[in-house]
Amino acid sequence: MFGKLAEAQQKAEEIKNRLALISVEGETEGGLVKVSATGNKNITQIHIDNSLMKPERKEELEDLLMVAIERAMQQAENVSAAEMKNLMGSMMPGLGGLFGK
């Protein structure tokens, strides 16, 4: 029992390290704002088109930034869920489907 727990903890750490190397991106329609993040949901880069860098477009920029961040975080969540599903499937065959809806 403890051996399986230790193995699961080790696998989880491996996944965390692997997710740190995976890059995902979220962007708005038209690509005016792009946000890059790791599979661990750490934002690594934000690109904002110069056309949005005007005081009168501040509110639009804020809205677009929220959309891009949300999309990047969703991509990171999808990658993380897939990795966990693979882990659980390898640790407990037949139960992997419980963890990846």
C-alpha atoms as a PDB file:
ATOM      1  CA  MET A   1       0.000   0.000   0.000  1.00  0.00           C
ATOM      2  CA  PHE A   2       2.721   2.490   0.978  1.00  0.00           C
ATOM      3  CA  GLY A   3       4.769   1.419  -2.026  1.00  0.00           C
ATOM      4  CA  LYS A   4       1.900   2.384  -4.339  1.00  0.00           C
ATOM      5  CA  LEU A   5       1.505   5.707  -2.540  1.00  0.00           C
ATOM      6  CA  ALA A   6       5.213   6.490  -2.879  1.00  0.00           C
ATOM      7  CA  GLU A   7       5.084   5.471  -6.532  1.00  0.00           C
ATOM      8  CA  ALA A   8       2.067   7.718  -7.125  1.00  0.00           C
ATOM      9  CA  GLN A   9       3.830  10.651  -5.449  1.00  0.00           C
ATOM     10  CA  GLN A  10       6.912  10.097  -7.593  1.00  0.00           C
ATOM     11  CA  LYS A  11       4.799   9.901 -10.760  1.00  0.00           C
ATOM     12  CA  ALA A  12       2.921  13.068  -9.763  1.00  0.00           C
ATOM     13  CA  GLU A  13       6.230  14.889  -9.328  1.00  0.00           C
ATOM     14  CA  GLU A  14       7.360  13.655 -12.741  1.00  0.00           C
ATOM     15  CA  ILE A  15       4.144  14.969 -14.263  1.00  0.00           C
ATOM     16  CA  LYS A  16       4.604  18.335 -12.560  1.00  0.00           C
ATOM     17  CA  ASN A  17       8.122  18.570 -13.979  1.00  0.00           C
ATOM     18  CA  ARG A  18       6.911  17.544 -17.446  1.00  0.00           C
ATOM     19  CA  LEU A  19       4.057  20.074 -17.338  1.00  0.00           C
ATOM     20  CA  ALA A  20       6.569  22.821 -16.555  1.00  0.00           C
ATOM     21  CA  LEU A  21       8.169  22.121 -19.950  1.00  0.00           C
ATOM     22  CA  ILE A  22       4.916  22.168 -21.925  1.00  0.00           C
ATOM     23  CA  SER A  23       3.862  25.482 -23.421  1.00  0.00           C
ATOM     24  CA  VAL A  24       0.234  26.335 -24.172  1.00  0.00           C
ATOM     25  CA  GLU A  25      -1.264  29.467 -25.663  1.00  0.00           C
ATOM     26  CA  GLY A  26      -4.529  31.328 -25.442  1.00  0.00           C
ATOM     27  CA  GLU A  27      -5.408  34.118 -27.801  1.00  0.00           C
ATOM     28  CA  THR A  28      -8.298  36.347 -28.674  1.00  0.00           C
ATOM     29  CA  GLU A  29     -10.099  36.388 -31.983  1.00  0.00           C
ATOM     30  CA  GLY A  30      -7.812  38.031 -34.475  1.00  0.00           C
ATOM     31  CA  GLY A  31      -4.768  37.377 -32.280  1.00  0.00           C
ATOM     32  CA  LEU A  32      -4.627  40.880 -30.813  1.00  0.00           C
ATOM     33  CA  VAL A  33      -3.743  39.438 -27.392  1.00  0.00           C
ATOM     34  CA  LYS A  34      -1.827  36.206 -26.848  1.00  0.00           C
ATOM     35  CA  VAL A  35      -0.931  34.615 -23.531  1.00  0.00           C
ATOM     36  CA  SER A  36       1.566  31.767 -23.187  1.00  0.00           C
ATOM     37  CA  ALA A  37       1.683  29.551 -20.114  1.00  0.00           C
ATOM     38  CA  THR A  38       3.137  26.279 -18.930  1.00  0.00           C
ATOM     39  CA  GLY A  39       1.107  23.153 -18.346  1.00  0.00           C
ATOM     40  CA  ASN A  40       1.378  24.060 -14.642  1.00  0.00           C
ATOM     41  CA  LYS A  41      -0.617  27.252 -15.317  1.00  0.00           C
ATOM     42  CA  ASN A  42       2.300  29.641 -14.943  1.00  0.00           C
ATOM     43  CA  ILE A  43       2.013  32.543 -17.383  1.00  0.00           C
ATOM     44  CA  THR A  44       5.282  32.926 -19.265  1.00  0.00           C
ATOM     45  CA  GLN A  45       4.537  35.571 -21.869  1.00  0.00           C
ATOM     46  CA  ILE A  46       1.912  38.110 -22.876  1.00  0.00           C
ATOM     47  CA  HIS A  47       1.780  39.694 -26.320  1.00  0.00           C
ATOM     48  CA  ILE A  48      -0.440  42.732 -26.911  1.00  0.00           C
ATOM     49  CA  ASP A  49      -0.852  44.165 -30.397  1.00  0.00           C
ATOM     50  CA  ASN A  50       0.287  47.789 -30.622  1.00  0.00           C
ATOM     51  CA  SER A  51      -3.152  48.871 -31.853  1.00  0.00           C
ATOM     52  CA  LEU A  52      -4.520  48.234 -28.345  1.00  0.00           C
ATOM     53  CA  MET A  53      -1.940  50.426 -26.626  1.00  0.00           C
ATOM     54  CA  LYS A  54      -4.087  53.550 -26.627  1.00  0.00           C
ATOM     55  CA  PRO A  55      -5.836  55.042 -23.591  1.00  0.00           C
ATOM     56  CA  GLU A  56      -9.220  54.964 -25.334  1.00  0.00           C
ATOM     57  CA  ARG A  57      -8.858  51.180 -25.874  1.00  0.00           C
ATOM     58  CA  LYS A  58      -7.948  50.386 -22.244  1.00  0.00           C
ATOM     59  CA  GLU A  59     -11.249  48.663 -21.416  1.00  0.00           C
ATOM     60  CA  GLU A  60     -11.136  46.616 -24.626  1.00  0.00           C
ATOM     61  CA  LEU A  61      -7.566  45.575 -23.832  1.00  0.00           C
ATOM     62  CA  GLU A  62      -8.563  44.489 -20.332  1.00  0.00           C
ATOM     63  CA  ASP A  63     -11.418  42.384 -21.716  1.00  0.00           C
ATOM     64  CA  LEU A  64      -9.235  40.793 -24.388  1.00  0.00           C
ATOM     65  CA  LEU A  65      -6.522  40.053 -21.839  1.00  0.00           C
ATOM     66  CA  MET A  66      -9.034  38.258 -19.618  1.00  0.00           C
ATOM     67  CA  VAL A  67     -10.201  36.137 -22.570  1.00  0.00           C
ATOM     68  CA  ALA A  68      -6.659  35.211 -23.599  1.00  0.00           C
ATOM     69  CA  ILE A  69      -5.647  34.315 -20.045  1.00  0.00           C
ATOM     70  CA  GLU A  70      -8.762  32.183 -19.580  1.00  0.00           C
ATOM     71  CA  ARG A  71      -8.069  30.338 -22.827  1.00  0.00           C
ATOM     72  CA  ALA A  72      -4.445  29.707 -21.882  1.00  0.00           C
ATOM     73  CA  MET A  73      -5.473  28.416 -18.446  1.00  0.00           C
ATOM     74  CA  GLN A  74      -8.055  26.116 -20.052  1.00  0.00           C
ATOM     75  CA  GLN A  75      -5.401  24.711 -22.386  1.00  0.00           C
ATOM     76  CA  ALA A  76      -3.107  24.157 -19.397  1.00  0.00           C
ATOM     77  CA  GLU A  77      -5.943  22.421 -17.532  1.00  0.00           C
ATOM     78  CA  ASN A  78      -6.587  20.155 -20.526  1.00  0.00           C
ATOM     79  CA  VAL A  79      -2.915  19.167 -20.710  1.00  0.00           C
ATOM     80  CA  SER A  80      -2.751  18.581 -16.954  1.00  0.00           C
ATOM     81  CA  ALA A  81      -5.922  16.466 -16.979  1.00  0.00           C
ATOM     82  CA  ALA A  82      -4.573  14.345 -19.825  1.00  0.00           C
ATOM     83  CA  GLU A  83      -1.319  13.763 -17.945  1.00  0.00           C
ATOM     84  CA  MET A  84      -3.172  12.795 -14.759  1.00  0.00           C
ATOM     85  CA  LYS A  85      -5.464  10.475 -16.708  1.00  0.00           C
ATOM     86  CA  ASN A  86      -2.395   8.746 -18.152  1.00  0.00           C
ATOM     87  CA  LEU A  87      -0.867   8.447 -14.682  1.00  0.00           C
ATOM     88  CA  MET A  88      -3.993   6.998 -13.141  1.00  0.00           C
ATOM     89  CA  GLY A  89      -4.462   4.638 -16.068  1.00  0.00           C
ATOM     90  CA  SER A  90      -0.941   3.301 -15.654  1.00  0.00           C
ATOM     91  CA  MET A  91      -1.205   3.090 -11.858  1.00  0.00           C
ATOM     92  CA  MET A  92      -4.681   1.552 -11.736  1.00  0.00           C
ATOM     93  CA  PRO A  93      -5.673   0.033 -15.081  1.00  0.00           C
ATOM     94  CA  GLY A  94      -9.404   0.231 -15.593  1.00  0.00           C
ATOM     95  CA  LEU A  95      -9.817   3.299 -13.373  1.00  0.00           C
ATOM     96  CA  GLY A  96      -8.059   5.862 -15.595  1.00  0.00           C
ATOM     97  CA  GLY A  97     -11.379   6.897 -17.109  1.00  0.00           C
ATOM     98  CA  LEU A  98     -12.556   8.190 -13.749  1.00  0.00           C
ATOM     99  CA  PHE A  99     -10.025  11.013 -13.759  1.00  0.00           C
ATOM    100  CA  GLY A 100     -10.265  12.500 -17.215  1.00  0.00           C
ATOM    101  CA  LYS A 101     -13.695  13.852 -18.000  1.00  0.00           C
END
